[in-house]
C-alpha atoms as a PDB file:
ATOM      1  CA  MET A   1      20.795 119.919  57.230  1.00  0.00           C
ATOM      2  CA  ARG A   2      21.755 119.288  53.641  1.00  0.00           C
ATOM      3  CA  TYR A   3      23.518 116.376  54.703  1.00  0.00           C
ATOM      4  CA  ILE A   4      20.560 114.976  56.564  1.00  0.00           C
ATOM      5  CA  PHE A   5      18.446 115.387  53.331  1.00  0.00           C
ATOM      6  CA  ILE A   6      20.738 113.764  51.220  1.00  0.00           C
ATOM      7  CA  GLN A   7      20.763 110.614  53.798  1.00  0.00           C
ATOM      8  CA  LEU A   8      16.718 110.526  53.804  1.00  0.00           C
ATOM      9  CA  LEU A   9      16.923 110.605  49.986  1.00  0.00           C
ATOM     10  CA  LEU A  10      19.154 107.782  49.870  1.00  0.00           C
ATOM     11  CA  PHE A  11      17.114 105.757  52.711  1.00  0.00           C
ATOM     12  CA  SER A  12      14.128 106.501  50.381  1.00  0.00           C
ATOM     13  CA  LEU A  13      15.693 105.072  47.329  1.00  0.00           C
ATOM     14  CA  PHE A  14      16.844 102.055  49.262  1.00  0.00           C
ATOM     15  CA  LEU A  15      13.243 101.514  50.343  1.00  0.00           C
ATOM     16  CA  THR A  16      11.953 101.921  47.041  1.00  0.00           C
ATOM     17  CA  GLY A  17      14.470  99.363  45.704  1.00  0.00           C
ATOM     18  CA  CYS A  18      13.501  96.711  48.432  1.00  0.00           C
ATOM     19  CA  VAL A  19       9.916  97.084  47.651  1.00  0.00           C
ATOM     20  CA  ARG A  20      10.346  96.232  43.806  1.00  0.00           C
ATOM     21  CA  ASN A  21      12.619  93.569  44.576  1.00  0.00           C
ATOM     22  CA  ASN A  22       9.855  91.956  46.706  1.00  0.00           C
ATOM     23  CA  GLU A  23       7.324  92.653  43.879  1.00  0.00           C
ATOM     24  CA  VAL A  24       9.666  90.875  41.397  1.00  0.00           C
ATOM     25  CA  GLN A  25       9.811  87.744  43.781  1.00  0.00           C
ATOM     26  CA  ILE A  26       6.018  87.692  44.220  1.00  0.00           C
ATOM     27  CA  ASN A  27       5.225  87.860  40.450  1.00  0.00           C
ATOM     28  CA  SER A  28       8.185  85.749  39.321  1.00  0.00           C
ATOM     29  CA  PRO A  29       7.394  82.012  38.835  1.00  0.00           C
ATOM     30  CA  LYS A  30       8.811  79.691  41.615  1.00  0.00           C
ATOM     31  CA  VAL A  31      12.043  78.213  40.900  1.00  0.00           C
ATOM     32  CA  SER A  32      12.222  74.557  41.543  1.00  0.00           C
ATOM     33  CA  ALA A  33      14.321  73.797  44.723  1.00  0.00           C
ATOM     34  CA  GLU A  34      15.017  70.106  43.342  1.00  0.00           C
ATOM     35  CA  THR A  35      18.596  68.844  43.476  1.00  0.00           C
ATOM     36  CA  PRO A  36      20.070  67.796  40.004  1.00  0.00           C
ATOM     37  CA  GLU A  37      19.877  64.020  41.082  1.00  0.00           C
ATOM     38  CA  LYS A  38      16.055  64.552  41.843  1.00  0.00           C
ATOM     39  CA  LYS A  39      15.641  66.473  38.495  1.00  0.00           C
ATOM     40  CA  GLU A  40      17.311  63.515  36.487  1.00  0.00           C
ATOM     41  CA  SER A  41      15.496  60.996  38.378  1.00  0.00           C
ATOM     42  CA  SER A  42      12.083  62.591  37.289  1.00  0.00           C
ATOM     43  CA  ILE A  43      13.306  63.018  33.746  1.00  0.00           C
ATOM     44  CA  LYS A  44      13.999  59.293  33.753  1.00  0.00           C
ATOM     45  CA  THR A  45      10.661  58.306  35.151  1.00  0.00           C
ATOM     46  CA  ASP A  46       8.929  60.876  32.599  1.00  0.00           C
ATOM     47  CA  ILE A  47      10.769  58.885  29.617  1.00  0.00           C
ATOM     48  CA  ILE A  48       9.752  55.497  31.035  1.00  0.00           C
ATOM     49  CA  GLU A  49       6.130  56.374  31.447  1.00  0.00           C
ATOM     50  CA  LYS A  50       6.185  57.952  27.881  1.00  0.00           C
ATOM     51  CA  LYS A  51       7.909  54.780  26.341  1.00  0.00           C
ATOM     52  CA  ASP A  52       5.158  52.614  28.201  1.00  0.00           C
ATOM     53  CA  GLU A  53       2.650  54.775  26.742  1.00  0.00           C
ATOM     54  CA  ILE A  54       3.968  54.553  23.132  1.00  0.00           C
ATOM     55  CA  LEU A  55       4.566  50.680  23.368  1.00  0.00           C
ATOM     56  CA  LYS A  56       0.899  50.199  24.772  1.00  0.00           C
ATOM     57  CA  ASP A  57      -0.320  52.417  21.815  1.00  0.00           C
ATOM     58  CA  ASN A  58       1.623  50.305  19.434  1.00  0.00           C
ATOM     59  CA  LYS A  59       0.339  47.011  21.017  1.00  0.00           C
ATOM     60  CA  GLU A  60      -3.384  48.150  20.602  1.00  0.00           C
ATOM     61  CA  GLU A  61      -2.868  49.349  16.981  1.00  0.00           C
ATOM     62  CA  LYS A  62      -1.276  45.850  16.360  1.00  0.00           C
ATOM     63  CA  THR A  63      -4.025  43.920  17.905  1.00  0.00           C
ATOM     64  CA  GLU A  64      -6.678  46.266  16.072  1.00  0.00           C
ATOM     65  CA  GLU A  65      -4.601  45.403  12.915  1.00  0.00           C
ATOM     66  CA  ASN A  66      -4.485  41.610  13.527  1.00  0.00           C
ATOM     67  CA  LYS A  67      -8.026  41.518  14.420  1.00  0.00           C
ATOM     68  CA  SER A  68      -8.784  43.175  11.037  1.00  0.00           C
ATOM     69  CA  VAL A  69      -6.538  40.869   9.260  1.00  0.00           C
ATOM     70  CA  GLU A  70      -8.348  37.675  10.810  1.00  0.00           C
ATOM     71  CA  GLU A  71     -11.997  39.061   9.980  1.00  0.00           C
ATOM     72  CA  LYS A  72     -10.859  39.423   6.379  1.00  0.00           C
ATOM     73  CA  LYS A  73      -8.658  36.194   6.356  1.00  0.00           C
ATOM     74  CA  VAL A  74     -10.404  33.336   4.267  1.00  0.00           C
ATOM     75  CA  GLU A  75      -9.252  29.814   4.875  1.00  0.00           C
ATOM     76  CA  PRO A  76      -7.823  28.300   1.784  1.00  0.00           C
ATOM     77  CA  LYS A  77      -9.753  25.228   0.460  1.00  0.00           C
ATOM     78  CA  VAL A  78      -7.555  22.109   1.092  1.00  0.00           C
ATOM     79  CA  ILE A  79      -7.726  19.880  -1.984  1.00  0.00           C
ATOM     80  CA  ILE A  80      -6.379  16.298  -1.166  1.00  0.00           C
ATOM     81  CA  LYS A  81      -5.694  14.155  -4.272  1.00  0.00           C
ATOM     82  CA  GLU A  82      -5.777  10.764  -3.539  1.00  0.00           C
ATOM     83  CA  LYS A  83      -3.366   8.588  -5.264  1.00  0.00           C
ATOM     84  CA  THR A  84      -5.418   5.839  -7.115  1.00  0.00           C
ATOM     85  CA  LYS A  85      -4.614   2.396  -5.966  1.00  0.00           C
ATOM     86  CA  ILE A  86      -6.055  -0.884  -6.875  1.00  0.00           C
ATOM     87  CA  VAL A  87      -5.965  -3.469  -4.284  1.00  0.00           C
ATOM     88  CA  VAL A  88      -6.971  -6.772  -4.610  1.00  0.00           C
ATOM     89  CA  VAL A  89      -8.532  -8.515  -1.540  1.00  0.00           C
ATOM     90  CA  GLU A  90      -9.879 -12.012  -1.498  1.00  0.00           C
ATOM     91  CA  LYS A  91     -13.345 -11.988   0.055  1.00  0.00           C
ATOM     92  CA  PRO A  92     -13.508 -14.680   2.719  1.00  0.00           C
ATOM     93  CA  ILE A  93     -15.978 -17.145   2.000  1.00  0.00           C
ATOM     94  CA  SER A  94     -17.989 -18.773   4.825  1.00  0.00           C
ATOM     95  CA  SER A  95     -17.638 -22.596   4.882  1.00  0.00           C
ATOM     96  CA  ASP A  96     -21.492 -22.467   4.627  1.00  0.00           C
ATOM     97  CA  SER A  97     -21.202 -21.173   1.206  1.00  0.00           C
ATOM     98  CA  LYS A  98     -18.581 -23.492  -0.112  1.00  0.00           C
ATOM     99  CA  ILE A  99     -19.209 -26.725  -1.646  1.00  0.00           C
ATOM    100  CA  ILE A 100     -17.722 -30.219  -0.958  1.00  0.00           C
ATOM    101  CA  VAL A 101     -16.659 -32.239  -4.031  1.00  0.00           C
ATOM    102  CA  GLY A 102     -14.700 -35.608  -4.647  1.00  0.00           C
ATOM    103  CA  SER A 103     -11.910 -36.139  -6.635  1.00  0.00           C
ATOM    104  CA  ASN A 104     -14.003 -36.901  -9.940  1.00  0.00           C
ATOM    105  CA  GLU A 105     -17.520 -34.857 -10.479  1.00  0.00           C
ATOM    106  CA  TYR A 106     -19.522 -34.188 -13.364  1.00  0.00           C
ATOM    107  CA  VAL A 107     -19.441 -30.459 -14.930  1.00  0.00           C
ATOM    108  CA  TYR A 108     -22.002 -28.854 -17.211  1.00  0.00           C
ATOM    109  CA  VAL A 109     -20.753 -26.554 -20.062  1.00  0.00           C
ATOM    110  CA  PRO A 110     -23.806 -24.163 -20.846  1.00  0.00           C
ATOM    111  CA  SER A 111     -22.565 -22.878 -24.267  1.00  0.00           C
ATOM    112  CA  LEU A 112     -22.340 -26.398 -25.464  1.00  0.00           C
ATOM    113  CA  LYS A 113     -25.344 -27.812 -23.316  1.00  0.00           C
ATOM    114  CA  LEU A 114     -23.116 -30.793 -22.498  1.00  0.00           C
ATOM    115  CA  THR A 115     -22.066 -32.769 -19.385  1.00  0.00           C
ATOM    116  CA  TYR A 116     -18.608 -33.936 -18.937  1.00  0.00           C
ATOM    117  CA  LYS A 117     -16.857 -36.235 -16.572  1.00  0.00           C
ATOM    118  CA  ALA A 118     -14.095 -34.145 -14.829  1.00  0.00           C
ATOM    119  CA  LYS A 119     -10.902 -34.611 -12.732  1.00  0.00           C
ATOM    120  CA  ILE A 120     -10.738 -32.420  -9.805  1.00  0.00           C
ATOM    121  CA  ASP A 121      -6.886 -31.421  -9.716  1.00  0.00           C
ATOM    122  CA  THR A 122      -5.904 -29.321  -6.614  1.00  0.00           C
ATOM    123  CA  GLY A 123      -2.420 -29.243  -8.157  1.00  0.00           C
ATOM    124  CA  ALA A 124      -3.068 -27.781 -11.711  1.00  0.00           C
ATOM    125  CA  THR A 125      -3.000 -24.181 -12.052  1.00  0.00           C
ATOM    126  CA  THR A 126      -5.594 -23.966 -14.901  1.00  0.00           C
ATOM    127  CA  THR A 127      -8.639 -25.797 -15.872  1.00  0.00           C
ATOM    128  CA  SER A 128      -8.387 -27.472 -19.312  1.00  0.00           C
ATOM    129  CA  ILE A 129     -10.580 -29.096 -21.685  1.00  0.00           C
ATOM    130  CA  HIS A 130     -10.070 -31.940 -24.504  1.00  0.00           C
ATOM    131  CA  ALA A 131      -9.955 -30.379 -27.805  1.00  0.00           C
ATOM    132  CA  LEU A 132      -9.091 -31.244 -31.435  1.00  0.00           C
ATOM    133  CA  ASP A 133      -8.259 -29.448 -34.838  1.00  0.00           C
ATOM    134  CA  ILE A 134      -7.106 -26.348 -32.819  1.00  0.00           C
ATOM    135  CA  LYS A 135      -6.370 -23.659 -35.334  1.00  0.00           C
ATOM    136  CA  GLU A 136      -5.672 -19.786 -34.923  1.00  0.00           C
ATOM    137  CA  PHE A 137      -7.154 -17.339 -37.141  1.00  0.00           C
ATOM    138  CA  GLU A 138      -7.896 -13.333 -37.059  1.00  0.00           C
ATOM    139  CA  ARG A 139     -11.177 -11.796 -36.662  1.00  0.00           C
ATOM    140  CA  ASP A 140     -11.601  -7.961 -36.492  1.00  0.00           C
ATOM    141  CA  GLY A 141      -7.972  -7.658 -35.914  1.00  0.00           C
ATOM    142  CA  LYS A 142      -7.833  -9.893 -33.042  1.00  0.00           C
ATOM    143  CA  LYS A 143      -6.621 -13.486 -32.342  1.00  0.00           C
ATOM    144  CA  TRP A 144      -9.045 -16.048 -32.520  1.00  0.00           C
ATOM    145  CA  VAL A 145      -9.261 -19.813 -32.207  1.00  0.00           C
ATOM    146  CA  LYS A 146     -11.220 -22.610 -33.883  1.00  0.00           C
ATOM    147  CA  PHE A 147     -11.333 -26.109 -32.369  1.00  0.00           C
ATOM    148  CA  LYS A 148     -13.456 -29.225 -31.952  1.00  0.00           C
ATOM    149  CA  LEU A 149     -15.035 -30.725 -28.788  1.00  0.00           C
ATOM    150  CA  ASP A 150     -16.229 -34.222 -27.919  1.00  0.00           C
ATOM    151  CA  ASP A 151     -20.009 -34.259 -28.186  1.00  0.00           C
ATOM    152  CA  THR A 152     -20.123 -37.297 -25.722  1.00  0.00           C
ATOM    153  CA  LYS A 153     -21.866 -39.287 -28.443  1.00  0.00           C
ATOM    154  CA  GLY A 154     -18.846 -40.004 -30.517  1.00  0.00           C
ATOM    155  CA  GLY A 155     -18.986 -36.792 -32.746  1.00  0.00           C
ATOM    156  CA  LEU A 156     -17.336 -33.611 -32.487  1.00  0.00           C
ATOM    157  CA  ILE A 157     -18.816 -30.073 -32.181  1.00  0.00           C
ATOM    158  CA  GLU A 158     -16.862 -26.937 -33.730  1.00  0.00           C
ATOM    159  CA  LYS A 159     -16.606 -24.060 -31.861  1.00  0.00           C
ATOM    160  CA  SER A 160     -14.508 -20.451 -31.894  1.00  0.00           C
ATOM    161  CA  LEU A 161     -13.625 -18.290 -29.307  1.00  0.00           C
ATOM    162  CA  PRO A 162     -11.253 -15.309 -28.902  1.00  0.00           C
ATOM    163  CA  VAL A 163      -7.842 -16.111 -27.651  1.00  0.00           C
ATOM    164  CA  GLU A 164      -7.259 -14.722 -24.028  1.00  0.00           C
ATOM    165  CA  ARG A 165      -3.340 -15.745 -24.192  1.00  0.00           C
ATOM    166  CA  VAL A 166      -1.036 -18.460 -25.374  1.00  0.00           C
ATOM    167  CA  VAL A 167       1.149 -20.438 -22.900  1.00  0.00           C
ATOM    168  CA  ASN A 168       4.027 -22.871 -23.644  1.00  0.00           C
ATOM    169  CA  ILE A 169       3.808 -25.966 -21.448  1.00  0.00           C
ATOM    170  CA  LYS A 170       7.134 -27.736 -20.655  1.00  0.00           C
ATOM    171  CA  ARG A 171       6.855 -31.460 -20.575  1.00  0.00           C
ATOM    172  CA  HIS A 172       9.258 -33.992 -19.094  1.00  0.00           C
ATOM    173  CA  LYS A 173      11.563 -35.446 -21.864  1.00  0.00           C
ATOM    174  CA  GLU A 174       9.180 -34.126 -24.739  1.00  0.00           C
ATOM    175  CA  ASP A 175       9.113 -30.759 -26.631  1.00  0.00           C
ATOM    176  CA  SER A 176       7.203 -27.713 -25.187  1.00  0.00           C
ATOM    177  CA  GLN A 177       3.608 -27.753 -26.088  1.00  0.00           C
ATOM    178  CA  LYS A 178       1.903 -24.373 -27.285  1.00  0.00           C
ATOM    179  CA  ARG A 179      -1.475 -24.121 -25.709  1.00  0.00           C
ATOM    180  CA  TYR A 180      -4.201 -21.695 -26.399  1.00  0.00           C
ATOM    181  CA  VAL A 181      -6.233 -20.384 -23.497  1.00  0.00           C
ATOM    182  CA  VAL A 182      -9.951 -19.081 -23.941  1.00  0.00           C
ATOM    183  CA  LYS A 183     -12.729 -18.271 -21.557  1.00  0.00           C
ATOM    184  CA  MET A 184     -15.656 -20.753 -20.950  1.00  0.00           C
ATOM    185  CA  ARG A 185     -18.396 -20.858 -18.322  1.00  0.00           C
ATOM    186  CA  ILE A 186     -18.301 -24.312 -16.392  1.00  0.00           C
ATOM    187  CA  ASN A 187     -20.849 -25.281 -13.625  1.00  0.00           C
ATOM    188  CA  LEU A 188     -19.813 -27.594 -10.849  1.00  0.00           C
ATOM    189  CA  GLY A 189     -22.308 -28.424  -8.336  1.00  0.00           C
ATOM    190  CA  LYS A 190     -23.899 -25.370  -7.142  1.00  0.00           C
ATOM    191  CA  THR A 191     -21.472 -22.830  -8.736  1.00  0.00           C
ATOM    192  CA  SER A 192     -21.233 -21.561 -12.180  1.00  0.00           C
ATOM    193  CA  GLU A 193     -17.987 -19.669 -13.078  1.00  0.00           C
ATOM    194  CA  VAL A 194     -16.312 -18.032 -16.256  1.00  0.00           C
ATOM    195  CA  VAL A 195     -12.879 -19.309 -16.135  1.00  0.00           C
ATOM    196  CA  GLU A 196      -9.724 -19.331 -18.431  1.00  0.00           C
ATOM    197  CA  VAL A 197      -9.596 -22.844 -20.104  1.00  0.00           C
ATOM    198  CA  SER A 198      -6.597 -24.221 -21.734  1.00  0.00           C
ATOM    199  CA  LEU A 199      -7.438 -26.279 -25.172  1.00  0.00           C
ATOM    200  CA  THR A 200      -5.345 -29.512 -25.341  1.00  0.00           C
ATOM    201  CA  ASP A 201      -5.479 -33.000 -26.576  1.00  0.00           C
ATOM    202  CA  ARG A 202      -6.437 -34.929 -23.542  1.00  0.00           C
ATOM    203  CA  SER A 203      -7.379 -38.293 -25.545  1.00  0.00           C
ATOM    204  CA  GLN A 204      -4.902 -40.243 -23.457  1.00  0.00           C
ATOM    205  CA  PHE A 205      -6.563 -39.332 -20.296  1.00  0.00           C
ATOM    206  CA  ASN A 206      -9.796 -40.686 -18.808  1.00  0.00           C
ATOM    207  CA  PHE A 207     -11.484 -37.546 -18.138  1.00  0.00           C
ATOM    208  CA  PRO A 208     -12.082 -34.838 -20.904  1.00  0.00           C
ATOM    209  CA  VAL A 209     -11.953 -31.998 -18.544  1.00  0.00           C
ATOM    210  CA  LEU A 210      -9.665 -31.033 -15.777  1.00  0.00           C
ATOM    211  CA  ILE A 211     -10.769 -28.494 -12.998  1.00  0.00           C
ATOM    212  CA  GLY A 212      -7.731 -26.660 -11.715  1.00  0.00           C
ATOM    213  CA  LYS A 213      -7.163 -24.019  -8.901  1.00  0.00           C
ATOM    214  CA  ASN A 214      -8.566 -21.098 -11.035  1.00  0.00           C
ATOM    215  CA  TYR A 215     -11.872 -22.350 -10.505  1.00  0.00           C
ATOM    216  CA  LEU A 216     -11.724 -24.083  -7.145  1.00  0.00           C
ATOM    217  CA  ASN A 217      -9.987 -21.408  -5.237  1.00  0.00           C
ATOM    218  CA  GLY A 218     -12.358 -19.953  -2.560  1.00  0.00           C
ATOM    219  CA  TYR A 219     -15.317 -21.871  -3.506  1.00  0.00           C
ATOM    220  CA  VAL A 220     -14.544 -25.599  -3.459  1.00  0.00           C
ATOM    221  CA  ILE A 221     -13.306 -28.031  -0.754  1.00  0.00           C
ATOM    222  CA  VAL A 222     -12.179 -31.306  -2.300  1.00  0.00           C
ATOM    223  CA  ASP A 223     -12.514 -34.428  -0.449  1.00  0.00           C
ATOM    224  CA  VAL A 224     -10.284 -36.937  -2.182  1.00  0.00           C
ATOM    225  CA  SER A 225     -11.748 -39.985  -0.529  1.00  0.00           C
ATOM    226  CA  LYS A 226     -15.266 -39.211  -2.278  1.00  0.00           C
ATOM    227  CA  LYS A 227     -16.442 -39.105  -5.868  1.00  0.00           C
ATOM    228  CA  TYR A 228     -19.328 -37.834  -7.591  1.00  0.00           C
ATOM    229  CA  LEU A 229     -20.797 -35.875  -4.727  1.00  0.00           C
ATOM    230  CA  THR A 230     -22.684 -33.265  -6.528  1.00  0.00           C
ATOM    231  CA  LYS A 231     -24.660 -32.785  -9.838  1.00  0.00           C
ATOM    232  CA  PRO A 232     -24.116 -29.863 -11.777  1.00  0.00           C
ATOM    233  CA  LYS A 233     -26.907 -27.128 -12.313  1.00  0.00           C
ATOM    234  CA  LYS A 234     -27.926 -26.939 -15.938  1.00  0.00           C
ATOM    235  CA  THR A 235     -28.391 -23.144 -17.085  1.00  0.00           C
ATOM    236  CA  ASP A 236     -28.490 -21.642 -20.664  1.00  0.00           C
ATOM    237  CA  LYS A 237     -25.838 -19.338 -20.236  1.00  0.00           C
END
C-alpha cells in the first residue's frame, strides 16, 4: 500500500512537471527555426536596404543643399576690356564723286586768294609750291617758317606758317636739299583739301604748284591726254 502511494505521488509530480513545461513553451517567444544560411542572407538584405536608405537620404540632402546654393548664387558681372585699336580704313569713293582732271590744271589757294597753274603729278608723293626767302624762326616754343610766294603779278607775298616737318630731298649729282613742310588748303575743281605742302624754289619749272599723290589719292582721276578740264571753286577759307 505504501508502495502504491509513493508511485502515485511520483506520477502526480511527473504530470505537474509536464504541465509546467507546456506552460513555459506556450508563454515563451517563438524561436526562429531559420537555418544559419537563411539568417545570414536576411542580415545582408537588411544591411543593403539600410545602405540604400542612407544613400537616398544623403542624395536628397545634397540636392536640397545644391538647390539652396543655386538660389543664393549670384552670377558675377563679366567686364570685357577691349583693347583700343586704331585701324585706318580708306573709305571707297564711288566714281561719281571723283573728278577727272588733265595733266595741267588751275588751283586756288584760299589763304592767298590767288589762282595758280599747277602740274598734276601722280608720281610725286607730296604737293609743293614755289617759295623764296624761306627762313625758320620760333614762336611760342614751336618751329615756324616764313617765306614769300608769287602774287601772280610779278610781286611777292610774305606768309608765315607752323612747320609740320622737315625733309631732306636727295637729288641726282647734287647736294641733298632741306625742305620745310607746312599745311595749306588748296582747291582743285570741286574738291578742297588741307594738305601738307613742301616749300621749294620752283623758278626753273613752268608751274609754281605741283599737285602730288597726298592730294590726288582717292579723289581725282587723271587723264594725261587732257589739260585744264576744271575750274577751282573760290572759297574764303
